[in-house]
Amino acid sequence: MRQDSPGVASLVFRLQGGNIMQELQIEPIMQFISKYQLQWKDHLERMDRCRIPKALFHYHPHGKSSLGRPKKRWTENSSLRP
């Protein structure tokens, strides 16, 4: 049978006992996504009016909507409201 060295066991215990994300210096996924969305919004705002991504971001369709529960949109996050 193989035995791990004492250093490995103490490292595993330290990672389990503490905040693993903080130990590995990883930011939470929701914070990462929010930051990325804000960067993309800033990028869109710097674009010319004639660019397709900017036109699509500010487009609001007219007419009737379909029946049922509305689909969740990417812009419904509080960080992206124009």
PDB file of N, CA and C in Angstrom:
ATOM      1  N   MET A   1       0.839  -1.191   0.000  1.00  0.00           N
ATOM      2  CA  MET A   1       0.000   0.000   0.000  1.00  0.00           C
ATOM      3  C   MET A   1       0.874   1.241   0.000  1.00  0.00           C
ATOM      4  N   ARG A   2       0.417   2.239  -0.739  1.00  0.00           N
ATOM      5  CA  ARG A   2       1.166   3.484  -0.863  1.00  0.00           C
ATOM      6  C   ARG A   2       0.699   4.482   0.185  1.00  0.00           C
ATOM      7  N   GLN A   3       1.635   5.169   0.782  1.00  0.00           N
ATOM      8  CA  GLN A   3       1.285   6.202   1.747  1.00  0.00           C
ATOM      9  C   GLN A   3       1.726   7.544   1.182  1.00  0.00           C
ATOM     10  N   ASP A   4       0.831   8.531   1.309  1.00  0.00           N
ATOM     11  CA  ASP A   4       1.184   9.876   0.878  1.00  0.00           C
ATOM     12  C   ASP A   4       2.122  10.507   1.894  1.00  0.00           C
ATOM     13  N   SER A   5       2.916  11.417   1.428  1.00  0.00           N
ATOM     14  CA  SER A   5       3.816  12.104   2.353  1.00  0.00           C
ATOM     15  C   SER A   5       2.997  13.036   3.246  1.00  0.00           C
ATOM     16  N   PRO A   6       3.527  13.375   4.409  1.00  0.00           N
ATOM     17  CA  PRO A   6       2.779  14.225   5.346  1.00  0.00           C
ATOM     18  C   PRO A   6       2.456  15.606   4.770  1.00  0.00           C
ATOM     19  N   GLY A   7       3.279  16.118   3.873  1.00  0.00           N
ATOM     20  CA  GLY A   7       3.030  17.429   3.289  1.00  0.00           C
ATOM     21  C   GLY A   7       1.787  17.448   2.427  1.00  0.00           C
ATOM     22  N   VAL A   8       1.510  16.354   1.725  1.00  0.00           N
ATOM     23  CA  VAL A   8       0.336  16.289   0.853  1.00  0.00           C
ATOM     24  C   VAL A   8      -0.930  16.278   1.694  1.00  0.00           C
ATOM     25  N   ALA A   9      -0.937  15.529   2.762  1.00  0.00           N
ATOM     26  CA  ALA A   9      -2.119  15.460   3.619  1.00  0.00           C
ATOM     27  C   ALA A   9      -2.417  16.816   4.247  1.00  0.00           C
ATOM     28  N   SER A  10      -1.393  17.539   4.686  1.00  0.00           N
ATOM     29  CA  SER A  10      -1.645  18.841   5.302  1.00  0.00           C
ATOM     30  C   SER A  10      -2.117  19.852   4.264  1.00  0.00           C
ATOM     31  N   LEU A  11      -1.639  19.760   3.007  1.00  0.00           N
ATOM     32  CA  LEU A  11      -2.084  20.657   1.951  1.00  0.00           C
ATOM     33  C   LEU A  11      -3.554  20.412   1.627  1.00  0.00           C
ATOM     34  N   VAL A  12      -3.951  19.149   1.529  1.00  0.00           N
ATOM     35  CA  VAL A  12      -5.340  18.818   1.247  1.00  0.00           C
ATOM     36  C   VAL A  12      -6.233  19.319   2.372  1.00  0.00           C
ATOM     37  N   PHE A  13      -5.837  19.136   3.609  1.00  0.00           N
ATOM     38  CA  PHE A  13      -6.620  19.603   4.747  1.00  0.00           C
ATOM     39  C   PHE A  13      -6.731  21.121   4.730  1.00  0.00           C
ATOM     40  N   ARG A  14      -5.661  21.816   4.392  1.00  0.00           N
ATOM     41  CA  ARG A  14      -5.671  23.284   4.381  1.00  0.00           C
ATOM     42  C   ARG A  14      -6.603  23.793   3.283  1.00  0.00           C
ATOM     43  N   LEU A  15      -6.598  23.141   2.112  1.00  0.00           N
ATOM     44  CA  LEU A  15      -7.467  23.559   1.018  1.00  0.00           C
ATOM     45  C   LEU A  15      -8.931  23.260   1.330  1.00  0.00           C
ATOM     46  N   GLN A  16      -9.191  22.149   2.002  1.00  0.00           N
ATOM     47  CA  GLN A  16     -10.568  21.825   2.343  1.00  0.00           C
ATOM     48  C   GLN A  16     -11.076  22.712   3.466  1.00  0.00           C
ATOM     49  N   GLY A  17     -10.206  23.075   4.378  1.00  0.00           N
ATOM     50  CA  GLY A  17     -10.624  23.877   5.509  1.00  0.00           C
ATOM     51  C   GLY A  17     -10.776  25.340   5.168  1.00  0.00           C
ATOM     52  N   GLY A  18     -10.010  25.852   4.239  1.00  0.00           N
ATOM     53  CA  GLY A  18     -10.069  27.262   3.878  1.00  0.00           C
ATOM     54  C   GLY A  18     -10.885  27.488   2.623  1.00  0.00           C
ATOM     55  N   ASN A  19     -10.819  28.683   2.139  1.00  0.00           N
ATOM     56  CA  ASN A  19     -11.532  29.031   0.921  1.00  0.00           C
ATOM     57  C   ASN A  19     -10.677  28.628  -0.276  1.00  0.00           C
ATOM     58  N   ILE A  20     -11.109  27.596  -1.002  1.00  0.00           N
ATOM     59  CA  ILE A  20     -10.322  27.043  -2.103  1.00  0.00           C
ATOM     60  C   ILE A  20     -10.147  28.063  -3.214  1.00  0.00           C
ATOM     61  N   MET A  21     -11.224  28.784  -3.529  1.00  0.00           N
ATOM     62  CA  MET A  21     -11.129  29.779  -4.608  1.00  0.00           C
ATOM     63  C   MET A  21     -10.140  30.886  -4.245  1.00  0.00           C
ATOM     64  N   GLN A  22     -10.137  31.264  -3.013  1.00  0.00           N
ATOM     65  CA  GLN A  22      -9.209  32.299  -2.563  1.00  0.00           C
ATOM     66  C   GLN A  22      -7.773  31.778  -2.584  1.00  0.00           C
ATOM     67  N   GLU A  23      -7.604  30.543  -2.209  1.00  0.00           N
ATOM     68  CA  GLU A  23      -6.281  29.928  -2.199  1.00  0.00           C
ATOM     69  C   GLU A  23      -5.707  29.825  -3.614  1.00  0.00           C
ATOM     70  N   LEU A  24      -6.570  29.488  -4.580  1.00  0.00           N
ATOM     71  CA  LEU A  24      -6.128  29.337  -5.960  1.00  0.00           C
ATOM     72  C   LEU A  24      -6.182  30.647  -6.739  1.00  0.00           C
ATOM     73  N   GLN A  25      -6.624  31.701  -6.113  1.00  0.00           N
ATOM     74  CA  GLN A  25      -6.738  33.035  -6.702  1.00  0.00           C
ATOM     75  C   GLN A  25      -7.627  33.015  -7.943  1.00  0.00           C
ATOM     76  N   ILE A  26      -8.824  32.418  -7.796  1.00  0.00           N
ATOM     77  CA  ILE A  26      -9.814  32.340  -8.866  1.00  0.00           C
ATOM     78  C   ILE A  26     -10.993  33.213  -8.465  1.00  0.00           C
ATOM     79  N   GLU A  27     -11.447  34.079  -9.384  1.00  0.00           N
ATOM     80  CA  GLU A  27     -12.605  34.902  -9.070  1.00  0.00           C
ATOM     81  C   GLU A  27     -13.884  34.110  -9.323  1.00  0.00           C
ATOM     82  N   PRO A  28     -14.944  34.384  -8.579  1.00  0.00           N
ATOM     83  CA  PRO A  28     -16.203  33.661  -8.775  1.00  0.00           C
ATOM     84  C   PRO A  28     -16.736  33.851 -10.192  1.00  0.00           C
ATOM     85  N   ILE A  29     -17.409  32.830 -10.714  1.00  0.00           N
ATOM     86  CA  ILE A  29     -17.858  32.837 -12.102  1.00  0.00           C
ATOM     87  C   ILE A  29     -18.851  33.958 -12.370  1.00  0.00           C
ATOM     88  N   MET A  30     -19.746  34.247 -11.445  1.00  0.00           N
ATOM     89  CA  MET A  30     -20.723  35.314 -11.657  1.00  0.00           C
ATOM     90  C   MET A  30     -20.034  36.677 -11.733  1.00  0.00           C
ATOM     91  N   GLN A  31     -19.011  36.868 -10.934  1.00  0.00           N
ATOM     92  CA  GLN A  31     -18.244  38.110 -10.983  1.00  0.00           C
ATOM     93  C   GLN A  31     -17.499  38.216 -12.318  1.00  0.00           C
ATOM     94  N   PHE A  32     -16.947  37.123 -12.790  1.00  0.00           N
ATOM     95  CA  PHE A  32     -16.242  37.105 -14.065  1.00  0.00           C
ATOM     96  C   PHE A  32     -17.192  37.431 -15.219  1.00  0.00           C
ATOM     97  N   ILE A  33     -18.375  36.812 -15.220  1.00  0.00           N
ATOM     98  CA  ILE A  33     -19.351  37.045 -16.287  1.00  0.00           C
ATOM     99  C   ILE A  33     -19.836  38.484 -16.266  1.00  0.00           C
ATOM    100  N   SER A  34     -20.127  39.007 -15.091  1.00  0.00           N
ATOM    101  CA  SER A  34     -20.585  40.395 -14.972  1.00  0.00           C
ATOM    102  C   SER A  34     -19.531  41.367 -15.492  1.00  0.00           C
ATOM    103  N   LYS A  35     -18.272  41.132 -15.142  1.00  0.00           N
ATOM    104  CA  LYS A  35     -17.189  41.994 -15.603  1.00  0.00           C
ATOM    105  C   LYS A  35     -17.048  41.908 -17.122  1.00  0.00           C
ATOM    106  N   TYR A  36     -17.167  40.709 -17.676  1.00  0.00           N
ATOM    107  CA  TYR A  36     -17.064  40.511 -19.119  1.00  0.00           C
ATOM    108  C   TYR A  36     -18.203  41.221 -19.851  1.00  0.00           C
ATOM    109  N   GLN A  37     -19.424  41.130 -19.304  1.00  0.00           N
ATOM    110  CA  GLN A  37     -20.566  41.784 -19.923  1.00  0.00           C
ATOM    111  C   GLN A  37     -20.409  43.308 -19.911  1.00  0.00           C
ATOM    112  N   LEU A  38     -19.900  43.853 -18.825  1.00  0.00           N
ATOM    113  CA  LEU A  38     -19.671  45.297 -18.763  1.00  0.00           C
ATOM    114  C   LEU A  38     -18.614  45.726 -19.772  1.00  0.00           C
ATOM    115  N   GLN A  39     -17.577  44.929 -19.942  1.00  0.00           N
ATOM    116  CA  GLN A  39     -16.549  45.245 -20.934  1.00  0.00           C
ATOM    117  C   GLN A  39     -17.133  45.198 -22.345  1.00  0.00           C
ATOM    118  N   TRP A  40     -18.005  44.235 -22.610  1.00  0.00           N
ATOM    119  CA  TRP A  40     -18.619  44.138 -23.928  1.00  0.00           C
ATOM    120  C   TRP A  40     -19.553  45.322 -24.178  1.00  0.00           C
ATOM    121  N   LYS A  41     -20.309  45.730 -23.137  1.00  0.00           N
ATOM    122  CA  LYS A  41     -21.205  46.885 -23.283  1.00  0.00           C
ATOM    123  C   LYS A  41     -20.397  48.141 -23.576  1.00  0.00           C
ATOM    124  N   ASP A  42     -19.302  48.339 -22.878  1.00  0.00           N
ATOM    125  CA  ASP A  42     -18.440  49.491 -23.146  1.00  0.00           C
ATOM    126  C   ASP A  42     -17.895  49.439 -24.573  1.00  0.00           C
ATOM    127  N   HIS A  43     -17.540  48.252 -25.029  1.00  0.00           N
ATOM    128  CA  HIS A  43     -17.042  48.075 -26.388  1.00  0.00           C
ATOM    129  C   HIS A  43     -18.125  48.449 -27.404  1.00  0.00           C
ATOM    130  N   LEU A  44     -19.361  48.017 -27.151  1.00  0.00           N
ATOM    131  CA  LEU A  44     -20.470  48.350 -28.042  1.00  0.00           C
ATOM    132  C   LEU A  44     -20.722  49.856 -28.085  1.00  0.00           C
ATOM    133  N   GLU A  45     -20.644  50.502 -26.936  1.00  0.00           N
ATOM    134  CA  GLU A  45     -20.898  51.940 -26.879  1.00  0.00           C
ATOM    135  C   GLU A  45     -19.847  52.731 -27.653  1.00  0.00           C
ATOM    136  N   ARG A  46     -18.644  52.222 -27.770  1.00  0.00           N
ATOM    137  CA  ARG A  46     -17.595  52.911 -28.521  1.00  0.00           C
ATOM    138  C   ARG A  46     -17.717  52.694 -30.032  1.00  0.00           C
ATOM    139  N   MET A  47     -18.523  51.722 -30.451  1.00  0.00           N
ATOM    140  CA  MET A  47     -18.670  51.415 -31.873  1.00  0.00           C
ATOM    141  C   MET A  47     -19.424  52.519 -32.596  1.00  0.00           C
ATOM    142  N   ASP A  48     -19.236  52.572 -33.934  1.00  0.00           N
ATOM    143  CA  ASP A  48     -20.020  53.468 -34.779  1.00  0.00           C
ATOM    144  C   ASP A  48     -21.465  52.994 -34.800  1.00  0.00           C
ATOM    145  N   ARG A  49     -22.365  53.925 -35.121  1.00  0.00           N
ATOM    146  CA  ARG A  49     -23.780  53.596 -35.182  1.00  0.00           C
ATOM    147  C   ARG A  49     -24.115  52.562 -36.241  1.00  0.00           C
ATOM    148  N   CYS A  50     -23.373  52.562 -37.324  1.00  0.00           N
ATOM    149  CA  CYS A  50     -23.698  51.679 -38.446  1.00  0.00           C
ATOM    150  C   CYS A  50     -23.246  50.237 -38.235  1.00  0.00           C
ATOM    151  N   ARG A  51     -22.520  49.949 -37.177  1.00  0.00           N
ATOM    152  CA  ARG A  51     -22.059  48.584 -36.932  1.00  0.00           C
ATOM    153  C   ARG A  51     -23.225  47.699 -36.512  1.00  0.00           C
ATOM    154  N   ILE A  52     -23.263  46.493 -37.025  1.00  0.00           N
ATOM    155  CA  ILE A  52     -24.380  45.583 -36.780  1.00  0.00           C
ATOM    156  C   ILE A  52     -24.522  45.210 -35.297  1.00  0.00           C
ATOM    157  N   PRO A  53     -23.458  44.862 -34.564  1.00  0.00           N
ATOM    158  CA  PRO A  53     -23.649  44.496 -33.151  1.00  0.00           C
ATOM    159  C   PRO A  53     -24.289  45.615 -32.329  1.00  0.00           C
ATOM    160  N   LYS A  54     -23.907  46.863 -32.589  1.00  0.00           N
ATOM    161  CA  LYS A  54     -24.490  47.977 -31.845  1.00  0.00           C
ATOM    162  C   LYS A  54     -25.948  48.165 -32.219  1.00  0.00           C
ATOM    163  N   ALA A  55     -26.257  48.046 -33.513  1.00  0.00           N
ATOM    164  CA  ALA A  55     -27.647  48.182 -33.952  1.00  0.00           C
ATOM    165  C   ALA A  55     -28.516  47.086 -33.340  1.00  0.00           C
ATOM    166  N   LEU A  56     -28.016  45.866 -33.279  1.00  0.00           N
ATOM    167  CA  LEU A  56     -28.783  44.765 -32.693  1.00  0.00           C
ATOM    168  C   LEU A  56     -28.959  44.935 -31.192  1.00  0.00           C
ATOM    169  N   PHE A  57     -27.977  45.497 -30.523  1.00  0.00           N
ATOM    170  CA  PHE A  57     -28.065  45.695 -29.074  1.00  0.00           C
ATOM    171  C   PHE A  57     -29.173  46.696 -28.736  1.00  0.00           C
ATOM    172  N   HIS A  58     -29.341  47.724 -29.565  1.00  0.00           N
ATOM    173  CA  HIS A  58     -30.337  48.760 -29.293  1.00  0.00           C
ATOM    174  C   HIS A  58     -31.665  48.526 -30.021  1.00  0.00           C
ATOM    175  N   TYR A  59     -31.804  47.408 -30.721  1.00  0.00           N
ATOM    176  CA  TYR A  59     -33.013  47.118 -31.480  1.00  0.00           C
ATOM    177  C   TYR A  59     -34.126  46.660 -30.545  1.00  0.00           C
ATOM    178  N   HIS A  60     -35.317  47.193 -30.766  1.00  0.00           N
ATOM    179  CA  HIS A  60     -36.511  46.768 -30.024  1.00  0.00           C
ATOM    180  C   HIS A  60     -37.569  46.378 -31.050  1.00  0.00           C
ATOM    181  N   PRO A  61     -37.951  45.110 -31.128  1.00  0.00           N
ATOM    182  CA  PRO A  61     -38.928  44.682 -32.131  1.00  0.00           C
ATOM    183  C   PRO A  61     -40.309  45.263 -31.838  1.00  0.00           C
ATOM    184  N   HIS A  62     -41.086  45.457 -32.895  1.00  0.00           N
ATOM    185  CA  HIS A  62     -42.451  45.963 -32.774  1.00  0.00           C
ATOM    186  C   HIS A  62     -43.408  44.842 -33.124  1.00  0.00           C
ATOM    187  N   GLY A  63     -44.630  44.935 -32.619  1.00  0.00           N
ATOM    188  CA  GLY A  63     -45.635  43.922 -32.936  1.00  0.00           C
ATOM    189  C   GLY A  63     -45.960  43.077 -31.722  1.00  0.00           C
ATOM    190  N   LYS A  64     -46.730  42.038 -31.963  1.00  0.00           N
ATOM    191  CA  LYS A  64     -47.166  41.164 -30.882  1.00  0.00           C
ATOM    192  C   LYS A  64     -46.066  40.175 -30.516  1.00  0.00           C
ATOM    193  N   SER A  65     -46.041  39.828 -29.258  1.00  0.00           N
ATOM    194  CA  SER A  65     -45.100  38.795 -28.816  1.00  0.00           C
ATOM    195  C   SER A  65     -45.817  37.446 -28.789  1.00  0.00           C
ATOM    196  N   SER A  66     -45.049  36.393 -28.728  1.00  0.00           N
ATOM    197  CA  SER A  66     -45.637  35.055 -28.720  1.00  0.00           C
ATOM    198  C   SER A  66     -46.259  34.745 -27.366  1.00  0.00           C
ATOM    199  N   LEU A  67     -47.137  33.762 -27.362  1.00  0.00           N
ATOM    200  CA  LEU A  67     -47.799  33.350 -26.128  1.00  0.00           C
ATOM    201  C   LEU A  67     -46.830  32.602 -25.217  1.00  0.00           C
ATOM    202  N   GLY A  68     -47.138  32.610 -23.947  1.00  0.00           N
ATOM    203  CA  GLY A  68     -46.334  31.862 -22.994  1.00  0.00           C
ATOM    204  C   GLY A  68     -45.358  32.743 -22.233  1.00  0.00           C
ATOM    205  N   ARG A  69     -44.559  32.095 -21.445  1.00  0.00           N
ATOM    206  CA  ARG A  69     -43.580  32.793 -20.629  1.00  0.00           C
ATOM    207  C   ARG A  69     -42.502  33.404 -21.520  1.00  0.00           C
ATOM    208  N   PRO A  70     -42.134  34.669 -21.264  1.00  0.00           N
ATOM    209  CA  PRO A  70     -41.101  35.280 -22.096  1.00  0.00           C
ATOM    210  C   PRO A  70     -39.735  34.628 -21.883  1.00  0.00           C
ATOM    211  N   LYS A  71     -38.934  34.589 -22.917  1.00  0.00           N
ATOM    212  CA  LYS A  71     -37.588  34.025 -22.822  1.00  0.00           C
ATOM    213  C   LYS A  71     -36.681  34.994 -22.078  1.00  0.00           C
ATOM    214  N   LYS A  72     -35.765  34.462 -21.311  1.00  0.00           N
ATOM    215  CA  LYS A  72     -34.809  35.295 -20.588  1.00  0.00           C
ATOM    216  C   LYS A  72     -33.752  35.791 -21.566  1.00  0.00           C
ATOM    217  N   ARG A  73     -33.482  37.076 -21.507  1.00  0.00           N
ATOM    218  CA  ARG A  73     -32.525  37.676 -22.428  1.00  0.00           C
ATOM    219  C   ARG A  73     -31.239  38.010 -21.700  1.00  0.00           C
ATOM    220  N   TRP A  74     -30.187  38.101 -22.484  1.00  0.00           N
ATOM    221  CA  TRP A  74     -28.862  38.419 -21.952  1.00  0.00           C
ATOM    222  C   TRP A  74     -28.858  39.816 -21.328  1.00  0.00           C
ATOM    223  N   THR A  75     -29.631  40.753 -21.886  1.00  0.00           N
ATOM    224  CA  THR A  75     -29.618  42.136 -21.400  1.00  0.00           C
ATOM    225  C   THR A  75     -30.477  42.346 -20.168  1.00  0.00           C
ATOM    226  N   GLU A  76     -31.139  41.333 -19.665  1.00  0.00           N
ATOM    227  CA  GLU A  76     -31.969  41.504 -18.480  1.00  0.00           C
ATOM    228  C   GLU A  76     -31.142  41.555 -17.201  1.00  0.00           C
ATOM    229  N   ASN A  77     -29.865  41.303 -17.295  1.00  0.00           N
ATOM    230  CA  ASN A  77     -29.010  41.449 -16.114  1.00  0.00           C
ATOM    231  C   ASN A  77     -28.923  42.906 -15.756  1.00  0.00           C
ATOM    232  N   SER A  78     -28.820  43.209 -14.479  1.00  0.00           N
ATOM    233  CA  SER A  78     -28.812  44.604 -14.034  1.00  0.00           C
ATOM    234  C   SER A  78     -27.574  45.357 -14.532  1.00  0.00           C
ATOM    235  N   SER A  79     -26.497  44.663 -14.835  1.00  0.00           N
ATOM    236  CA  SER A  79     -25.265  45.341 -15.249  1.00  0.00           C
ATOM    237  C   SER A  79     -25.309  45.805 -16.694  1.00  0.00           C
ATOM    238  N   LEU A  80     -26.289  45.358 -17.494  1.00  0.00           N
ATOM    239  CA  LEU A  80     -26.300  45.685 -18.908  1.00  0.00           C
ATOM    240  C   LEU A  80     -27.413  46.640 -19.323  1.00  0.00           C
ATOM    241  N   ARG A  81     -28.223  47.084 -18.413  1.00  0.00           N
ATOM    242  CA  ARG A  81     -29.331  47.950 -18.804  1.00  0.00           C
ATOM    243  C   ARG A  81     -28.804  49.256 -19.349  1.00  0.00           C
ATOM    244  N   PRO A  82     -29.295  49.644 -20.547  1.00  0.00           N
ATOM    245  CA  PRO A  82     -28.811  50.892 -21.155  1.00  0.00           C
ATOM    246  C   PRO A  82     -29.302  52.132 -20.445  1.00  0.00           C
TER     247      PRO A  82
END
